[in-house]
PDB file of N, CA and C in Angstrom:
ATOM      1  N   MET A   1      20.340 -11.788  -7.124  1.00  0.00           N
ATOM      2  CA  MET A   1      19.542 -10.677  -7.640  1.00  0.00           C
ATOM      3  C   MET A   1      19.344  -9.659  -6.545  1.00  0.00           C
ATOM      4  N   ALA A   2      19.652  -8.295  -6.853  1.00  0.00           N
ATOM      5  CA  ALA A   2      19.568  -7.193  -5.910  1.00  0.00           C
ATOM      6  C   ALA A   2      18.296  -6.950  -5.385  1.00  0.00           C
ATOM      7  N   GLY A   3      17.175  -7.094  -6.231  1.00  0.00           N
ATOM      8  CA  GLY A   3      15.954  -6.689  -5.823  1.00  0.00           C
ATOM      9  C   GLY A   3      15.377  -5.507  -6.421  1.00  0.00           C
ATOM     10  N   LYS A   4      14.267  -5.030  -6.330  1.00  0.00           N
ATOM     11  CA  LYS A   4      13.746  -3.767  -6.884  1.00  0.00           C
ATOM     12  C   LYS A   4      13.992  -2.639  -5.971  1.00  0.00           C
ATOM     13  N   GLN A   5      13.962  -1.416  -6.588  1.00  0.00           N
ATOM     14  CA  GLN A   5      14.069  -0.235  -5.768  1.00  0.00           C
ATOM     15  C   GLN A   5      12.783   0.214  -5.127  1.00  0.00           C
ATOM     16  N   PRO A   6      12.844   0.716  -3.928  1.00  0.00           N
ATOM     17  CA  PRO A   6      11.503   1.182  -3.298  1.00  0.00           C
ATOM     18  C   PRO A   6      11.372   2.616  -3.750  1.00  0.00           C
ATOM     19  N   VAL A   7      10.152   2.921  -3.975  1.00  0.00           N
ATOM     20  CA  VAL A   7       9.552   4.300  -4.262  1.00  0.00           C
ATOM     21  C   VAL A   7       8.473   4.690  -3.439  1.00  0.00           C
ATOM     22  N   PHE A   8       8.542   5.725  -2.808  1.00  0.00           N
ATOM     23  CA  PHE A   8       7.463   6.168  -1.849  1.00  0.00           C
ATOM     24  C   PHE A   8       6.688   7.289  -2.414  1.00  0.00           C
ATOM     25  N   THR A   9       5.331   7.071  -2.464  1.00  0.00           N
ATOM     26  CA  THR A   9       4.457   8.177  -3.038  1.00  0.00           C
ATOM     27  C   THR A   9       4.221   9.144  -1.918  1.00  0.00           C
ATOM     28  N   GLU A  10       3.749  10.389  -2.233  1.00  0.00           N
ATOM     29  CA  GLU A  10       3.464  11.504  -1.457  1.00  0.00           C
ATOM     30  C   GLU A  10       2.279  10.953  -0.498  1.00  0.00           C
ATOM     31  N   ASN A  11       1.467  10.107  -1.037  1.00  0.00           N
ATOM     32  CA  ASN A  11       0.267   9.631  -0.096  1.00  0.00           C
ATOM     33  C   ASN A  11       0.795   8.697   0.927  1.00  0.00           C
ATOM     34  N   PHE A  12       1.739   7.864   0.602  1.00  0.00           N
ATOM     35  CA  PHE A  12       2.339   7.063   1.603  1.00  0.00           C
ATOM     36  C   PHE A  12       2.945   7.784   2.724  1.00  0.00           C
ATOM     37  N   SER A  13       3.694   8.789   2.522  1.00  0.00           N
ATOM     38  CA  SER A  13       4.272   9.821   3.413  1.00  0.00           C
ATOM     39  C   SER A  13       3.208  10.384   4.334  1.00  0.00           C
ATOM     40  N   ALA A  14       2.293  10.889   3.551  1.00  0.00           N
ATOM     41  CA  ALA A  14       0.997  11.538   4.295  1.00  0.00           C
ATOM     42  C   ALA A  14       0.299  10.512   5.055  1.00  0.00           C
ATOM     43  N   ASN A  15       0.207   9.373   4.710  1.00  0.00           N
ATOM     44  CA  ASN A  15      -0.530   8.281   5.420  1.00  0.00           C
ATOM     45  C   ASN A  15       0.315   8.186   6.776  1.00  0.00           C
ATOM     46  N   LEU A  16       1.592   7.994   6.749  1.00  0.00           N
ATOM     47  CA  LEU A  16       2.419   7.827   7.982  1.00  0.00           C
ATOM     48  C   LEU A  16       2.294   8.871   8.896  1.00  0.00           C
ATOM     49  N   THR A  17       2.142  10.160   8.353  1.00  0.00           N
ATOM     50  CA  THR A  17       1.811  11.379   9.263  1.00  0.00           C
ATOM     51  C   THR A  17       0.644  11.296   9.954  1.00  0.00           C
ATOM     52  N   ALA A  18      -0.450  10.762   9.022  1.00  0.00           N
ATOM     53  CA  ALA A  18      -1.770  10.695   9.503  1.00  0.00           C
ATOM     54  C   ALA A  18      -1.904   9.559  10.674  1.00  0.00           C
ATOM     55  N   ILE A  19      -1.200   8.482  10.440  1.00  0.00           N
ATOM     56  CA  ILE A  19      -1.124   7.495  11.421  1.00  0.00           C
ATOM     57  C   ILE A  19      -0.514   8.025  12.860  1.00  0.00           C
ATOM     58  N   GLU A  20       0.600   8.758  12.682  1.00  0.00           N
ATOM     59  CA  GLU A  20       1.159   9.221  13.832  1.00  0.00           C
ATOM     60  C   GLU A  20       0.265  10.272  14.596  1.00  0.00           C
ATOM     61  N   THR A  21      -0.567  11.047  13.864  1.00  0.00           N
ATOM     62  CA  THR A  21      -1.636  11.827  14.501  1.00  0.00           C
ATOM     63  C   THR A  21      -2.552  11.139  15.100  1.00  0.00           C
ATOM     64  N   PHE A  22      -3.074  10.042  14.355  1.00  0.00           N
ATOM     65  CA  PHE A  22      -4.016   9.250  14.765  1.00  0.00           C
ATOM     66  C   PHE A  22      -3.861   8.449  16.127  1.00  0.00           C
ATOM     67  N   LEU A  23      -2.500   8.032  16.258  1.00  0.00           N
ATOM     68  CA  LEU A  23      -2.132   7.376  17.419  1.00  0.00           C
ATOM     69  C   LEU A  23      -1.928   8.272  18.644  1.00  0.00           C
ATOM     70  N   GLY A  24      -1.668   9.577  18.310  1.00  0.00           N
ATOM     71  CA  GLY A  24      -1.532  10.530  19.414  1.00  0.00           C
ATOM     72  C   GLY A  24      -0.158  10.542  20.210  1.00  0.00           C
ATOM     73  N   PRO A  25       0.068  11.359  21.050  1.00  0.00           N
ATOM     74  CA  PRO A  25       1.205  11.365  21.876  1.00  0.00           C
ATOM     75  C   PRO A  25       1.495  10.076  22.726  1.00  0.00           C
ATOM     76  N   GLU A  26       0.415   9.519  23.077  1.00  0.00           N
ATOM     77  CA  GLU A  26       0.518   8.378  23.845  1.00  0.00           C
ATOM     78  C   GLU A  26       0.758   7.145  22.926  1.00  0.00           C
ATOM     79  N   GLY A  27       0.624   7.235  21.676  1.00  0.00           N
ATOM     80  CA  GLY A  27       1.133   6.111  20.835  1.00  0.00           C
ATOM     81  C   GLY A  27       2.379   6.294  20.021  1.00  0.00           C
ATOM     82  N   ALA A  28       3.168   7.220  20.710  1.00  0.00           N
ATOM     83  CA  ALA A  28       4.613   7.448  20.072  1.00  0.00           C
ATOM     84  C   ALA A  28       5.358   6.098  19.977  1.00  0.00           C
ATOM     85  N   ALA A  29       5.461   5.489  21.057  1.00  0.00           N
ATOM     86  CA  ALA A  29       6.325   4.195  20.925  1.00  0.00           C
ATOM     87  C   ALA A  29       5.761   3.373  19.972  1.00  0.00           C
ATOM     88  N   VAL A  30       4.514   3.088  19.801  1.00  0.00           N
ATOM     89  CA  VAL A  30       3.878   2.226  18.760  1.00  0.00           C
ATOM     90  C   VAL A  30       4.235   2.744  17.469  1.00  0.00           C
ATOM     91  N   PHE A  31       4.262   4.110  17.244  1.00  0.00           N
ATOM     92  CA  PHE A  31       4.526   4.637  15.949  1.00  0.00           C
ATOM     93  C   PHE A  31       6.001   4.230  15.594  1.00  0.00           C
ATOM     94  N   GLN A  32       6.914   4.466  16.620  1.00  0.00           N
ATOM     95  CA  GLN A  32       8.195   4.304  16.225  1.00  0.00           C
ATOM     96  C   GLN A  32       8.518   2.702  15.897  1.00  0.00           C
ATOM     97  N   ARG A  33       7.864   1.819  16.679  1.00  0.00           N
ATOM     98  CA  ARG A  33       7.921   0.375  16.279  1.00  0.00           C
ATOM     99  C   ARG A  33       7.408   0.176  14.786  1.00  0.00           C
ATOM    100  N   LEU A  34       6.287   0.775  14.479  1.00  0.00           N
ATOM    101  CA  LEU A  34       5.815   0.635  13.101  1.00  0.00           C
ATOM    102  C   LEU A  34       6.968   1.093  12.137  1.00  0.00           C
ATOM    103  N   LEU A  35       7.454   2.244  12.334  1.00  0.00           N
ATOM    104  CA  LEU A  35       8.609   2.703  11.437  1.00  0.00           C
ATOM    105  C   LEU A  35       9.766   1.847  11.394  1.00  0.00           C
ATOM    106  N   ALA A  36      10.268   1.431  12.445  1.00  0.00           N
ATOM    107  CA  ALA A  36      11.372   0.324  12.483  1.00  0.00           C
ATOM    108  C   ALA A  36      10.919  -1.050  11.773  1.00  0.00           C
ATOM    109  N   ARG A  37       9.890  -1.421  12.081  1.00  0.00           N
ATOM    110  CA  ARG A  37       9.230  -2.665  11.302  1.00  0.00           C
ATOM    111  C   ARG A  37       9.280  -2.451   9.694  1.00  0.00           C
ATOM    112  N   LEU A  38       8.685  -1.202   9.271  1.00  0.00           N
ATOM    113  CA  LEU A  38       8.716  -1.031   7.852  1.00  0.00           C
ATOM    114  C   LEU A  38       9.862  -0.876   7.305  1.00  0.00           C
ATOM    115  N   PHE A  39      10.743  -0.061   7.879  1.00  0.00           N
ATOM    116  CA  PHE A  39      12.056   0.221   7.081  1.00  0.00           C
ATOM    117  C   PHE A  39      13.215  -0.923   7.444  1.00  0.00           C
ATOM    118  N   ASP A  40      13.062  -1.609   8.498  1.00  0.00           N
ATOM    119  CA  ASP A  40      14.119  -2.520   8.624  1.00  0.00           C
ATOM    120  C   ASP A  40      13.714  -3.822   8.085  1.00  0.00           C
ATOM    121  N   ASP A  41      12.442  -4.140   8.011  1.00  0.00           N
ATOM    122  CA  ASP A  41      11.810  -5.673   7.679  1.00  0.00           C
ATOM    123  C   ASP A  41      10.988  -5.457   6.443  1.00  0.00           C
ATOM    124  N   ILE A  42       9.951  -4.977   6.411  1.00  0.00           N
ATOM    125  CA  ILE A  42       8.868  -5.134   5.401  1.00  0.00           C
ATOM    126  C   ILE A  42       9.350  -4.494   3.985  1.00  0.00           C
ATOM    127  N   ILE A  43       9.704  -3.246   4.170  1.00  0.00           N
ATOM    128  CA  ILE A  43      10.128  -2.771   2.810  1.00  0.00           C
ATOM    129  C   ILE A  43      11.386  -3.456   2.077  1.00  0.00           C
ATOM    130  N   PRO A  44      12.441  -3.795   2.867  1.00  0.00           N
ATOM    131  CA  PRO A  44      13.511  -4.653   2.169  1.00  0.00           C
ATOM    132  C   PRO A  44      13.001  -5.950   1.612  1.00  0.00           C
ATOM    133  N   THR A  45      12.025  -6.538   2.465  1.00  0.00           N
ATOM    134  CA  THR A  45      11.467  -7.775   1.994  1.00  0.00           C
ATOM    135  C   THR A  45      10.698  -7.769   0.847  1.00  0.00           C
ATOM    136  N   PHE A  46       9.928  -6.628   0.637  1.00  0.00           N
ATOM    137  CA  PHE A  46       8.999  -6.570  -0.543  1.00  0.00           C
ATOM    138  C   PHE A  46       9.969  -6.159  -1.735  1.00  0.00           C
ATOM    139  N   CYS A  47      11.181  -5.520  -1.595  1.00  0.00           N
ATOM    140  CA  CYS A  47      11.983  -5.122  -2.731  1.00  0.00           C
ATOM    141  C   CYS A  47      12.662  -6.463  -3.165  1.00  0.00           C
ATOM    142  N   ARG A  48      12.901  -7.315  -2.394  1.00  0.00           N
ATOM    143  CA  ARG A  48      13.526  -8.766  -2.702  1.00  0.00           C
ATOM    144  C   ARG A  48      12.631  -9.629  -3.136  1.00  0.00           C
ATOM    145  N   PHE A  49      11.454  -9.708  -2.544  1.00  0.00           N
ATOM    146  CA  PHE A  49      10.302 -10.530  -2.923  1.00  0.00           C
ATOM    147  C   PHE A  49       9.033  -9.984  -3.174  1.00  0.00           C
ATOM    148  N   PRO A  50       8.868  -9.212  -4.173  1.00  0.00           N
ATOM    149  CA  PRO A  50       7.704  -8.243  -4.222  1.00  0.00           C
ATOM    150  C   PRO A  50       6.280  -8.908  -4.328  1.00  0.00           C
ATOM    151  N   LYS A  51       6.301 -10.287  -4.522  1.00  0.00           N
ATOM    152  CA  LYS A  51       4.876 -10.947  -4.582  1.00  0.00           C
ATOM    153  C   LYS A  51       4.709 -11.500  -3.294  1.00  0.00           C
ATOM    154  N   SER A  52       5.367 -11.002  -2.233  1.00  0.00           N
ATOM    155  CA  SER A  52       5.053 -11.474  -0.788  1.00  0.00           C
ATOM    156  C   SER A  52       3.605 -11.245  -0.374  1.00  0.00           C
ATOM    157  N   GLY A  53       3.115 -10.097  -0.841  1.00  0.00           N
ATOM    158  CA  GLY A  53       1.725  -9.677  -0.361  1.00  0.00           C
ATOM    159  C   GLY A  53       0.787 -10.442  -1.225  1.00  0.00           C
ATOM    160  N   ARG A  54      -0.674 -10.175  -0.888  1.00  0.00           N
ATOM    161  CA  ARG A  54      -1.645 -10.882  -1.559  1.00  0.00           C
ATOM    162  C   ARG A  54      -2.196  -9.912  -2.670  1.00  0.00           C
ATOM    163  N   ALA A  55      -2.667 -10.521  -3.644  1.00  0.00           N
ATOM    164  CA  ALA A  55      -3.034  -9.676  -4.868  1.00  0.00           C
ATOM    165  C   ALA A  55      -4.372  -8.935  -4.467  1.00  0.00           C
ATOM    166  N   PHE A  56      -4.335  -7.643  -4.642  1.00  0.00           N
ATOM    167  CA  PHE A  56      -5.272  -6.869  -4.124  1.00  0.00           C
ATOM    168  C   PHE A  56      -6.680  -7.035  -4.842  1.00  0.00           C
ATOM    169  N   LEU A  57      -6.582  -7.254  -6.161  1.00  0.00           N
ATOM    170  CA  LEU A  57      -7.638  -7.347  -6.996  1.00  0.00           C
ATOM    171  C   LEU A  57      -8.280  -8.731  -7.002  1.00  0.00           C
ATOM    172  N   SER A  58      -7.737  -9.720  -6.208  1.00  0.00           N
ATOM    173  CA  SER A  58      -8.252 -11.036  -6.144  1.00  0.00           C
ATOM    174  C   SER A  58      -9.465 -11.185  -5.206  1.00  0.00           C
ATOM    175  N   HIS A  59      -9.787 -10.245  -4.538  1.00  0.00           N
ATOM    176  CA  HIS A  59     -10.795 -10.236  -3.482  1.00  0.00           C
ATOM    177  C   HIS A  59     -12.172 -10.425  -4.322  1.00  0.00           C
ATOM    178  N   PRO A  60     -13.059 -11.212  -3.713  1.00  0.00           N
ATOM    179  CA  PRO A  60     -14.451 -11.366  -4.382  1.00  0.00           C
ATOM    180  C   PRO A  60     -15.121 -10.170  -4.380  1.00  0.00           C
ATOM    181  N   VAL A  61     -15.783  -9.812  -5.519  1.00  0.00           N
ATOM    182  CA  VAL A  61     -16.512  -8.498  -5.697  1.00  0.00           C
ATOM    183  C   VAL A  61     -17.999  -8.770  -5.615  1.00  0.00           C
ATOM    184  N   ARG A  62     -18.735  -8.272  -4.720  1.00  0.00           N
ATOM    185  CA  ARG A  62     -20.097  -8.577  -4.581  1.00  0.00           C
ATOM    186  C   ARG A  62     -21.094  -7.643  -5.047  1.00  0.00           C
ATOM    187  N   SER A  63     -20.813  -6.394  -5.302  1.00  0.00           N
ATOM    188  CA  SER A  63     -21.601  -5.372  -5.630  1.00  0.00           C
ATOM    189  C   SER A  63     -21.324  -4.768  -7.095  1.00  0.00           C
ATOM    190  N   ALA A  64     -22.354  -4.340  -7.823  1.00  0.00           N
ATOM    191  CA  ALA A  64     -22.178  -3.723  -9.244  1.00  0.00           C
ATOM    192  C   ALA A  64     -21.213  -2.615  -9.014  1.00  0.00           C
ATOM    193  N   GLU A  65     -21.324  -1.774  -7.840  1.00  0.00           N
ATOM    194  CA  GLU A  65     -20.399  -0.648  -7.945  1.00  0.00           C
ATOM    195  C   GLU A  65     -18.891  -0.929  -7.670  1.00  0.00           C
ATOM    196  N   ALA A  66     -18.736  -2.026  -6.850  1.00  0.00           N
ATOM    197  CA  ALA A  66     -17.314  -2.397  -6.848  1.00  0.00           C
ATOM    198  C   ALA A  66     -16.813  -3.069  -7.976  1.00  0.00           C
ATOM    199  N   ARG A  67     -17.689  -3.839  -8.658  1.00  0.00           N
ATOM    200  CA  ARG A  67     -17.237  -4.436  -9.967  1.00  0.00           C
ATOM    201  C   ARG A  67     -16.849  -3.304 -10.909  1.00  0.00           C
ATOM    202  N   THR A  68     -17.681  -2.292 -11.002  1.00  0.00           N
ATOM    203  CA  THR A  68     -17.178  -1.135 -11.829  1.00  0.00           C
ATOM    204  C   THR A  68     -15.855  -0.498 -11.589  1.00  0.00           C
ATOM    205  N   LEU A  69     -15.698  -0.166 -10.067  1.00  0.00           N
ATOM    206  CA  LEU A  69     -14.511   0.343  -9.659  1.00  0.00           C
ATOM    207  C   LEU A  69     -13.281  -0.607  -9.852  1.00  0.00           C
ATOM    208  N   ALA A  70     -13.525  -1.849  -9.579  1.00  0.00           N
ATOM    209  CA  ALA A  70     -12.283  -2.871  -9.863  1.00  0.00           C
ATOM    210  C   ALA A  70     -11.858  -2.858 -11.338  1.00  0.00           C
ATOM    211  N   LYS A  71     -13.068  -2.837 -12.259  1.00  0.00           N
ATOM    212  CA  LYS A  71     -12.679  -2.937 -13.647  1.00  0.00           C
ATOM    213  C   LYS A  71     -11.951  -1.613 -14.134  1.00  0.00           C
ATOM    214  N   ARG A  72     -12.282  -0.460 -13.500  1.00  0.00           N
ATOM    215  CA  ARG A  72     -11.651   0.837 -13.893  1.00  0.00           C
ATOM    216  C   ARG A  72     -10.109   0.713 -13.356  1.00  0.00           C
ATOM    217  N   LEU A  73     -10.053   0.103 -12.377  1.00  0.00           N
ATOM    218  CA  LEU A  73      -8.591   0.113 -11.625  1.00  0.00           C
ATOM    219  C   LEU A  73      -7.847  -0.817 -12.471  1.00  0.00           C
ATOM    220  N   ARG A  74      -8.398  -2.000 -12.872  1.00  0.00           N
ATOM    221  CA  ARG A  74      -7.734  -2.965 -13.639  1.00  0.00           C
ATOM    222  C   ARG A  74      -7.062  -2.259 -14.995  1.00  0.00           C
ATOM    223  N   THR A  75      -7.924  -1.244 -15.624  1.00  0.00           N
ATOM    224  CA  THR A  75      -7.442  -0.594 -16.944  1.00  0.00           C
ATOM    225  C   THR A  75      -6.311   0.171 -16.698  1.00  0.00           C
ATOM    226  N   ARG A  76      -6.149   0.793 -15.325  1.00  0.00           N
ATOM    227  CA  ARG A  76      -5.072   1.820 -15.021  1.00  0.00           C
ATOM    228  C   ARG A  76      -3.902   0.976 -14.924  1.00  0.00           C
ATOM    229  N   LEU A  77      -3.881  -0.317 -14.638  1.00  0.00           N
ATOM    230  CA  LEU A  77      -2.568  -1.041 -14.416  1.00  0.00           C
ATOM    231  C   LEU A  77      -1.966  -1.344 -15.858  1.00  0.00           C
ATOM    232  N   GLN A  78      -0.688  -1.137 -15.808  1.00  0.00           N
ATOM    233  CA  GLN A  78       0.133  -1.571 -16.941  1.00  0.00           C
ATOM    234  C   GLN A  78       0.306  -3.090 -16.923  1.00  0.00           C
ATOM    235  N   ASP A  79       0.834  -3.556 -18.118  1.00  0.00           N
ATOM    236  CA  ASP A  79       0.873  -4.966 -18.267  1.00  0.00           C
ATOM    237  C   ASP A  79       1.723  -5.549 -17.213  1.00  0.00           C
ATOM    238  N   ALA A  80       3.000  -5.161 -16.995  1.00  0.00           N
ATOM    239  CA  ALA A  80       3.870  -5.709 -16.024  1.00  0.00           C
ATOM    240  C   ALA A  80       3.629  -5.164 -14.465  1.00  0.00           C
ATOM    241  N   GLU A  81       2.492  -4.501 -14.243  1.00  0.00           N
ATOM    242  CA  GLU A  81       2.306  -4.102 -12.799  1.00  0.00           C
ATOM    243  C   GLU A  81       1.357  -4.957 -12.140  1.00  0.00           C
ATOM    244  N   ALA A  82       1.321  -4.942 -10.763  1.00  0.00           N
ATOM    245  CA  ALA A  82       0.495  -5.734 -10.065  1.00  0.00           C
ATOM    246  C   ALA A  82       0.230  -4.995  -8.652  1.00  0.00           C
ATOM    247  N   LEU A  83      -0.932  -4.957  -8.305  1.00  0.00           N
ATOM    248  CA  LEU A  83      -1.354  -4.093  -7.142  1.00  0.00           C
ATOM    249  C   LEU A  83      -1.498  -5.140  -6.081  1.00  0.00           C
ATOM    250  N   ARG A  84      -0.679  -4.950  -4.871  1.00  0.00           N
ATOM    251  CA  ARG A  84      -0.756  -6.066  -3.953  1.00  0.00           C
ATOM    252  C   ARG A  84      -0.930  -5.414  -2.681  1.00  0.00           C
ATOM    253  N   GLU A  85      -1.302  -6.135  -1.500  1.00  0.00           N
ATOM    254  CA  GLU A  85      -1.517  -5.723  -0.189  1.00  0.00           C
ATOM    255  C   GLU A  85      -0.819  -6.633   0.741  1.00  0.00           C
ATOM    256  N   PHE A  86      -0.538  -6.108   2.001  1.00  0.00           N
ATOM    257  CA  PHE A  86       0.065  -6.923   2.969  1.00  0.00           C
ATOM    258  C   PHE A  86      -0.414  -6.393   4.345  1.00  0.00           C
ATOM    259  N   ILE A  87      -0.837  -7.188   5.058  1.00  0.00           N
ATOM    260  CA  ILE A  87      -1.345  -6.979   6.485  1.00  0.00           C
ATOM    261  C   ILE A  87      -0.190  -7.089   7.557  1.00  0.00           C
ATOM    262  N   VAL A  88       0.238  -6.083   8.316  1.00  0.00           N
ATOM    263  CA  VAL A  88       1.224  -6.245   9.280  1.00  0.00           C
ATOM    264  C   VAL A  88       0.660  -5.557  10.551  1.00  0.00           C
ATOM    265  N   GLU A  89       0.431  -6.369  11.528  1.00  0.00           N
ATOM    266  CA  GLU A  89      -0.019  -5.924  12.833  1.00  0.00           C
ATOM    267  C   GLU A  89      -1.485  -5.202  12.605  1.00  0.00           C
ATOM    268  N   ASP A  90      -1.486  -3.945  12.904  1.00  0.00           N
ATOM    269  CA  ASP A  90      -2.791  -3.390  12.690  1.00  0.00           C
ATOM    270  C   ASP A  90      -3.095  -2.395  11.471  1.00  0.00           C
ATOM    271  N   TYR A  91      -1.962  -2.752  10.561  1.00  0.00           N
ATOM    272  CA  TYR A  91      -1.846  -1.972   9.352  1.00  0.00           C
ATOM    273  C   TYR A  91      -2.006  -2.670   7.977  1.00  0.00           C
ATOM    274  N   LEU A  92      -2.603  -2.119   6.980  1.00  0.00           N
ATOM    275  CA  LEU A  92      -2.677  -2.552   5.834  1.00  0.00           C
ATOM    276  C   LEU A  92      -1.683  -1.741   4.750  1.00  0.00           C
ATOM    277  N   VAL A  93      -0.870  -2.310   4.140  1.00  0.00           N
ATOM    278  CA  VAL A  93       0.231  -1.797   3.272  1.00  0.00           C
ATOM    279  C   VAL A  93      -0.319  -1.999   1.764  1.00  0.00           C
ATOM    280  N   LEU A  94      -0.529  -1.181   0.987  1.00  0.00           N
ATOM    281  CA  LEU A  94      -0.850  -1.224  -0.465  1.00  0.00           C
ATOM    282  C   LEU A  94       0.352  -0.731  -1.272  1.00  0.00           C
ATOM    283  N   TYR A  95       0.855  -1.741  -2.030  1.00  0.00           N
ATOM    284  CA  TYR A  95       1.882  -1.323  -3.042  1.00  0.00           C
ATOM    285  C   TYR A  95       1.805  -1.872  -4.348  1.00  0.00           C
ATOM    286  N   LEU A  96       2.576  -1.226  -5.306  1.00  0.00           N
ATOM    287  CA  LEU A  96       2.362  -1.694  -6.676  1.00  0.00           C
ATOM    288  C   LEU A  96       3.703  -2.090  -7.267  1.00  0.00           C
ATOM    289  N   ILE A  97       3.659  -3.416  -7.672  1.00  0.00           N
ATOM    290  CA  ILE A  97       5.072  -3.911  -8.325  1.00  0.00           C
ATOM    291  C   ILE A  97       5.102  -3.400  -9.785  1.00  0.00           C
ATOM    292  N   ARG A  98       6.254  -2.744 -10.194  1.00  0.00           N
ATOM    293  CA  ARG A  98       6.516  -2.210 -11.387  1.00  0.00           C
ATOM    294  C   ARG A  98       7.820  -2.886 -11.959  1.00  0.00           C
ATOM    295  N   ARG A  99       8.123  -2.790 -13.154  1.00  0.00           N
ATOM    296  CA  ARG A  99       9.368  -3.258 -13.598  1.00  0.00           C
ATOM    297  C   ARG A  99      10.701  -2.625 -12.959  1.00  0.00           C
ATOM    298  N   GLU A 100      10.516  -1.345 -12.719  1.00  0.00           N
ATOM    299  CA  GLU A 100      11.667  -0.625 -12.198  1.00  0.00           C
ATOM    300  C   GLU A 100      11.758  -0.697 -10.710  1.00  0.00           C
ATOM    301  N   GLY A 101      10.715  -1.055  -9.921  1.00  0.00           N
ATOM    302  CA  GLY A 101      10.643  -0.977  -8.513  1.00  0.00           C
ATOM    303  C   GLY A 101       9.457  -1.259  -7.973  1.00  0.00           C
ATOM    304  N   VAL A 102       9.348  -1.048  -6.661  1.00  0.00           N
ATOM    305  CA  VAL A 102       8.155  -1.370  -5.807  1.00  0.00           C
ATOM    306  C   VAL A 102       7.713   0.121  -5.386  1.00  0.00           C
ATOM    307  N   ALA A 103       6.395   0.560  -5.840  1.00  0.00           N
ATOM    308  CA  ALA A 103       5.943   1.737  -5.233  1.00  0.00           C
ATOM    309  C   ALA A 103       5.011   1.579  -4.064  1.00  0.00           C
ATOM    310  N   PHE A 104       5.394   2.156  -3.009  1.00  0.00           N
ATOM    311  CA  PHE A 104       4.444   1.993  -1.839  1.00  0.00           C
ATOM    312  C   PHE A 104       3.372   3.092  -1.959  1.00  0.00           C
ATOM    313  N   LEU A 105       2.257   2.798  -2.121  1.00  0.00           N
ATOM    314  CA  LEU A 105       1.127   3.650  -2.492  1.00  0.00           C
ATOM    315  C   LEU A 105       0.436   4.135  -1.026  1.00  0.00           C
ATOM    316  N   SER A 106       0.267   3.316  -0.050  1.00  0.00           N
ATOM    317  CA  SER A 106      -0.510   3.642   0.962  1.00  0.00           C
ATOM    318  C   SER A 106      -0.417   2.839   2.240  1.00  0.00           C
ATOM    319  N   ILE A 107      -0.506   3.304   3.267  1.00  0.00           N
ATOM    320  CA  ILE A 107      -0.647   2.439   4.527  1.00  0.00           C
ATOM    321  C   ILE A 107      -1.668   3.000   5.572  1.00  0.00           C
ATOM    322  N   LYS A 108      -2.446   2.105   5.989  1.00  0.00           N
ATOM    323  CA  LYS A 108      -3.564   2.528   6.858  1.00  0.00           C
ATOM    324  C   LYS A 108      -3.614   1.712   8.198  1.00  0.00           C
ATOM    325  N   HIS A 109      -4.028   2.550   9.267  1.00  0.00           N
ATOM    326  CA  HIS A 109      -4.500   1.612  10.342  1.00  0.00           C
ATOM    327  C   HIS A 109      -5.711   1.077  10.112  1.00  0.00           C
ATOM    328  N   HIS A 110      -6.032  -0.023  10.659  1.00  0.00           N
ATOM    329  CA  HIS A 110      -7.411  -0.855  10.261  1.00  0.00           C
ATOM    330  C   HIS A 110      -8.574   0.008  10.749  1.00  0.00           C
ATOM    331  N   ARG A 111      -8.322   0.983  11.639  1.00  0.00           N
ATOM    332  CA  ARG A 111      -9.543   1.710  12.023  1.00  0.00           C
ATOM    333  C   ARG A 111      -9.664   3.015  11.243  1.00  0.00           C
ATOM    334  N   GLN A 112      -8.741   3.323  10.268  1.00  0.00           N
ATOM    335  CA  GLN A 112      -8.805   4.485   9.393  1.00  0.00           C
ATOM    336  C   GLN A 112      -9.815   4.353   8.229  1.00  0.00           C
ATOM    337  N   LEU A 113      -9.967   5.255   7.483  1.00  0.00           N
ATOM    338  CA  LEU A 113     -10.840   5.252   6.219  1.00  0.00           C
ATOM    339  C   LEU A 113     -10.131   4.405   4.967  1.00  0.00           C
ATOM    340  N   SER A 114     -10.962   4.056   4.068  1.00  0.00           N
ATOM    341  CA  SER A 114     -10.395   3.310   2.950  1.00  0.00           C
ATOM    342  C   SER A 114      -9.545   4.096   2.050  1.00  0.00           C
ATOM    343  N   PHE A 115      -8.998   3.521   1.118  1.00  0.00           N
ATOM    344  CA  PHE A 115      -7.965   4.008   0.371  1.00  0.00           C
ATOM    345  C   PHE A 115      -8.703   4.954  -0.948  1.00  0.00           C
ATOM    346  N   ASP A 116      -8.027   5.867  -1.345  1.00  0.00           N
ATOM    347  CA  ASP A 116      -8.624   6.797  -2.323  1.00  0.00           C
ATOM    348  C   ASP A 116      -7.718   6.750  -3.505  1.00  0.00           C
ATOM    349  N   PHE A 117      -8.121   5.817  -4.548  1.00  0.00           N
ATOM    350  CA  PHE A 117      -7.398   5.528  -5.746  1.00  0.00           C
ATOM    351  C   PHE A 117      -7.350   6.657  -6.624  1.00  0.00           C
ATOM    352  N   ARG A 118      -8.377   7.648  -6.453  1.00  0.00           N
ATOM    353  CA  ARG A 118      -8.246   8.691  -7.329  1.00  0.00           C
ATOM    354  C   ARG A 118      -7.096   9.664  -7.290  1.00  0.00           C
ATOM    355  N   LYS A 119      -6.289   9.571  -6.091  1.00  0.00           N
ATOM    356  CA  LYS A 119      -5.171  10.336  -6.026  1.00  0.00           C
ATOM    357  C   LYS A 119      -4.020   9.678  -6.698  1.00  0.00           C
ATOM    358  N   PHE A 120      -4.017   8.186  -6.927  1.00  0.00           N
ATOM    359  CA  PHE A 120      -2.898   7.488  -7.651  1.00  0.00           C
ATOM    360  C   PHE A 120      -3.251   7.629  -9.088  1.00  0.00           C
ATOM    361  N   TRP A 121      -4.461   7.620  -9.687  1.00  0.00           N
ATOM    362  CA  TRP A 121      -4.792   7.710 -11.008  1.00  0.00           C
ATOM    363  C   TRP A 121      -5.639   8.615 -11.363  1.00  0.00           C
ATOM    364  N   GLN A 122      -5.350   9.928 -11.690  1.00  0.00           N
ATOM    365  CA  GLN A 122      -6.235  10.948 -11.900  1.00  0.00           C
ATOM    366  C   GLN A 122      -7.110  10.612 -13.225  1.00  0.00           C
ATOM    367  N   GLU A 123      -8.213  11.089 -13.215  1.00  0.00           N
ATOM    368  CA  GLU A 123      -9.219  10.912 -14.364  1.00  0.00           C
ATOM    369  C   GLU A 123      -8.787  11.634 -15.549  1.00  0.00           C
ATOM    370  N   SER A 124      -8.844  11.149 -16.690  1.00  0.00           N
ATOM    371  CA  SER A 124      -8.341  11.839 -17.964  1.00  0.00           C
ATOM    372  C   SER A 124      -9.495  12.587 -18.516  1.00  0.00           C
TER     373      SER A 124
END
């Protein structure tokens, strides 16, 4: 089996730029290692074994607001789609498994702000 095709959202690309800025000039070598690890190892692995990451929506939900947001997010997912996450070093990668491929939605350094799902699924 050849695996799924990777798709990169504009948000994923913008996140990489934000990480580079966040790390600054003194973090240039760290950023280059992140890119090498992503494109040489992580992305090819997820395309071959897309369920390698943890199910994002399997986290326990403890607040009413979080339950509402999780429910809304679940309604946006198609039947064959699965939202997954993977932690690699100081980064959290969020990706979506689809029939036709793996969509890389976001990557964040653990010290950056949380994900913005409104950019992925616009309100109708």
